[in-house]
Amino acid sequence: MRSADRGAVWLVDMGMTAKIRPCLILSVLPDPQDRVLVTVVPRTTSVQGTRFEVDVSAHFFKSGGVFDAQQVATVAQVRLIRRLGDLDSTGMAAVEDAVRRWLGL
């Protein structure tokens, strides 16, 4: 079983139309009795300039892009392909703020 730690960035198979893309794990680790799902915020290079996009740099990103809080998704953990690294606390906080704005929390 893959360890989908909160704050980690993984390459994730988002399905046929959404491609394979880097995603930030937003959810906590599930317990054994929980569904084996993770909630992610995908990174995209299709920057629109919205208030829900977060530009976070990390050494493991090969190209530009942003995390888009409007694309929050929950996927099965088996769709995680490869761990790229972890966001620092500043980057994680920025993405969390954007998700809260998008969801009205």
C-alpha atoms as a PDB file:
ATOM      1  CA  MET A   1       0.000   0.000   0.000  1.00  0.00           C
ATOM      2  CA  ARG A   2       1.310   3.430  -0.921  1.00  0.00           C
ATOM      3  CA  SER A   3       1.753   5.933   1.870  1.00  0.00           C
ATOM      4  CA  ALA A   4      -0.219   8.956   0.728  1.00  0.00           C
ATOM      5  CA  ASP A   5       0.906  11.391   3.405  1.00  0.00           C
ATOM      6  CA  ARG A   6      -0.797  14.759   3.601  1.00  0.00           C
ATOM      7  CA  GLY A   7       1.430  17.370   1.955  1.00  0.00           C
ATOM      8  CA  ALA A   8       3.119  14.912  -0.405  1.00  0.00           C
ATOM      9  CA  VAL A   9       3.065  15.467  -4.154  1.00  0.00           C
ATOM     10  CA  TRP A  10       2.455  12.406  -6.306  1.00  0.00           C
ATOM     11  CA  LEU A  11       2.050  11.716  -9.995  1.00  0.00           C
ATOM     12  CA  VAL A  12      -1.585  10.621 -10.197  1.00  0.00           C
ATOM     13  CA  ASP A  13      -3.580   9.006 -12.986  1.00  0.00           C
ATOM     14  CA  MET A  14      -6.577  11.353 -13.067  1.00  0.00           C
ATOM     15  CA  GLY A  15      -8.435   9.312 -15.684  1.00  0.00           C
ATOM     16  CA  MET A  16      -8.619   9.332 -19.456  1.00  0.00           C
ATOM     17  CA  THR A  17      -9.427  12.999 -20.001  1.00  0.00           C
ATOM     18  CA  ALA A  18      -7.453  14.526 -17.139  1.00  0.00           C
ATOM     19  CA  LYS A  19      -4.135  12.753 -17.843  1.00  0.00           C
ATOM     20  CA  ILE A  20      -1.376  11.913 -15.425  1.00  0.00           C
ATOM     21  CA  ARG A  21      -0.388  14.966 -13.429  1.00  0.00           C
ATOM     22  CA  PRO A  22       1.303  16.011 -10.209  1.00  0.00           C
ATOM     23  CA  CYS A  23      -1.172  16.279  -7.339  1.00  0.00           C
ATOM     24  CA  LEU A  24      -0.893  17.450  -3.761  1.00  0.00           C
ATOM     25  CA  ILE A  25      -2.346  15.046  -1.197  1.00  0.00           C
ATOM     26  CA  LEU A  26      -4.823  17.061   0.875  1.00  0.00           C
ATOM     27  CA  SER A  27      -6.470  14.299   2.915  1.00  0.00           C
ATOM     28  CA  VAL A  28      -5.188  12.480   5.981  1.00  0.00           C
ATOM     29  CA  LEU A  29      -4.064   8.856   5.924  1.00  0.00           C
ATOM     30  CA  PRO A  30      -7.036   6.472   6.062  1.00  0.00           C
ATOM     31  CA  ASP A  31      -7.409   3.955   8.876  1.00  0.00           C
ATOM     32  CA  PRO A  32      -7.682   0.253   7.956  1.00  0.00           C
ATOM     33  CA  GLN A  33     -11.503   0.323   8.144  1.00  0.00           C
ATOM     34  CA  ASP A  34     -11.730   3.420   5.867  1.00  0.00           C
ATOM     35  CA  ARG A  35     -12.071   3.484   2.099  1.00  0.00           C
ATOM     36  CA  VAL A  36      -8.693   3.588   0.379  1.00  0.00           C
ATOM     37  CA  LEU A  37      -9.206   7.045  -1.131  1.00  0.00           C
ATOM     38  CA  VAL A  38      -7.186  10.255  -1.206  1.00  0.00           C
ATOM     39  CA  THR A  39      -8.284  13.799  -1.875  1.00  0.00           C
ATOM     40  CA  VAL A  40      -5.903  15.722  -4.098  1.00  0.00           C
ATOM     41  CA  VAL A  41      -5.352  19.144  -5.618  1.00  0.00           C
ATOM     42  CA  PRO A  42      -3.992  18.764  -9.166  1.00  0.00           C
ATOM     43  CA  ARG A  43      -1.177  20.867 -10.588  1.00  0.00           C
ATOM     44  CA  THR A  44      -1.824  22.292 -14.039  1.00  0.00           C
ATOM     45  CA  THR A  45       0.179  24.220 -16.601  1.00  0.00           C
ATOM     46  CA  SER A  46      -3.047  25.726 -18.025  1.00  0.00           C
ATOM     47  CA  VAL A  47      -2.827  28.825 -15.873  1.00  0.00           C
ATOM     48  CA  GLN A  48      -5.965  30.980 -15.969  1.00  0.00           C
ATOM     49  CA  GLY A  49      -4.997  33.558 -13.348  1.00  0.00           C
ATOM     50  CA  THR A  50      -7.889  32.832 -10.977  1.00  0.00           C
ATOM     51  CA  ARG A  51      -7.813  33.489  -7.247  1.00  0.00           C
ATOM     52  CA  PHE A  52      -7.987  29.727  -6.679  1.00  0.00           C
ATOM     53  CA  GLU A  53      -4.658  28.987  -8.362  1.00  0.00           C
ATOM     54  CA  VAL A  54      -1.558  28.713  -6.200  1.00  0.00           C
ATOM     55  CA  ASP A  55       1.931  29.055  -7.616  1.00  0.00           C
ATOM     56  CA  VAL A  56       4.185  26.923  -5.448  1.00  0.00           C
ATOM     57  CA  SER A  57       7.718  26.127  -6.494  1.00  0.00           C
ATOM     58  CA  ALA A  58       9.599  22.976  -5.558  1.00  0.00           C
ATOM     59  CA  HIS A  59      12.743  21.369  -6.892  1.00  0.00           C
ATOM     60  CA  PHE A  60      10.816  18.359  -8.225  1.00  0.00           C
ATOM     61  CA  PHE A  61       8.600  20.380 -10.633  1.00  0.00           C
ATOM     62  CA  LYS A  62      10.134  20.282 -14.109  1.00  0.00           C
ATOM     63  CA  SER A  63       7.976  23.058 -15.559  1.00  0.00           C
ATOM     64  CA  GLY A  64       5.800  25.947 -14.473  1.00  0.00           C
ATOM     65  CA  GLY A  65       2.285  25.525 -13.256  1.00  0.00           C
ATOM     66  CA  VAL A  66      -0.097  26.051 -10.384  1.00  0.00           C
ATOM     67  CA  PHE A  67      -2.184  24.006  -7.995  1.00  0.00           C
ATOM     68  CA  ASP A  68      -5.836  24.614  -8.902  1.00  0.00           C
ATOM     69  CA  ALA A  69      -8.183  24.465  -5.900  1.00  0.00           C
ATOM     70  CA  GLN A  70     -11.172  24.392  -8.268  1.00  0.00           C
ATOM     71  CA  GLN A  71     -10.123  20.911  -9.385  1.00  0.00           C
ATOM     72  CA  VAL A  72     -10.097  19.207  -5.972  1.00  0.00           C
ATOM     73  CA  ALA A  73     -10.778  15.508  -6.553  1.00  0.00           C
ATOM     74  CA  THR A  74     -10.955  12.255  -4.625  1.00  0.00           C
ATOM     75  CA  VAL A  75      -9.353   9.231  -6.256  1.00  0.00           C
ATOM     76  CA  ALA A  76      -8.567   5.645  -5.335  1.00  0.00           C
ATOM     77  CA  GLN A  77      -5.117   5.288  -3.830  1.00  0.00           C
ATOM     78  CA  VAL A  78      -4.190   2.771  -6.553  1.00  0.00           C
ATOM     79  CA  ARG A  79      -4.090   5.726  -8.985  1.00  0.00           C
ATOM     80  CA  LEU A  80      -0.999   7.089  -7.256  1.00  0.00           C
ATOM     81  CA  ILE A  81       1.937   6.358  -9.528  1.00  0.00           C
ATOM     82  CA  ARG A  82       5.075   7.855  -7.999  1.00  0.00           C
ATOM     83  CA  ARG A  83       5.881  10.157  -5.113  1.00  0.00           C
ATOM     84  CA  LEU A  84       7.689  13.304  -6.263  1.00  0.00           C
ATOM     85  CA  GLY A  85       8.350  14.958  -2.910  1.00  0.00           C
ATOM     86  CA  ASP A  86       6.773  17.067  -0.180  1.00  0.00           C
ATOM     87  CA  LEU A  87       5.604  20.676  -0.116  1.00  0.00           C
ATOM     88  CA  ASP A  88       6.990  22.878   2.603  1.00  0.00           C
ATOM     89  CA  SER A  89       4.615  24.287   5.221  1.00  0.00           C
ATOM     90  CA  THR A  90       4.334  27.652   3.430  1.00  0.00           C
ATOM     91  CA  GLY A  91       3.281  26.023   0.159  1.00  0.00           C
ATOM     92  CA  MET A  92       0.852  23.704   1.914  1.00  0.00           C
ATOM     93  CA  ALA A  93      -0.737  26.625   3.786  1.00  0.00           C
ATOM     94  CA  ALA A  94      -1.177  28.569   0.530  1.00  0.00           C
ATOM     95  CA  VAL A  95      -2.968  25.637  -1.135  1.00  0.00           C
ATOM     96  CA  GLU A  96      -5.139  25.084   1.956  1.00  0.00           C
ATOM     97  CA  ASP A  97      -6.162  28.771   1.897  1.00  0.00           C
ATOM     98  CA  ALA A  98      -7.180  28.516  -1.763  1.00  0.00           C
ATOM     99  CA  VAL A  99      -9.231  25.362  -1.102  1.00  0.00           C
ATOM    100  CA  ARG A 100     -10.984  27.067   1.825  1.00  0.00           C
ATOM    101  CA  ARG A 101     -11.836  30.051  -0.409  1.00  0.00           C
ATOM    102  CA  TRP A 102     -13.154  27.754  -3.148  1.00  0.00           C
ATOM    103  CA  LEU A 103     -15.285  25.712  -0.736  1.00  0.00           C
ATOM    104  CA  GLY A 104     -16.396  28.687   1.363  1.00  0.00           C
ATOM    105  CA  LEU A 105     -14.949  27.264   4.584  1.00  0.00           C
END
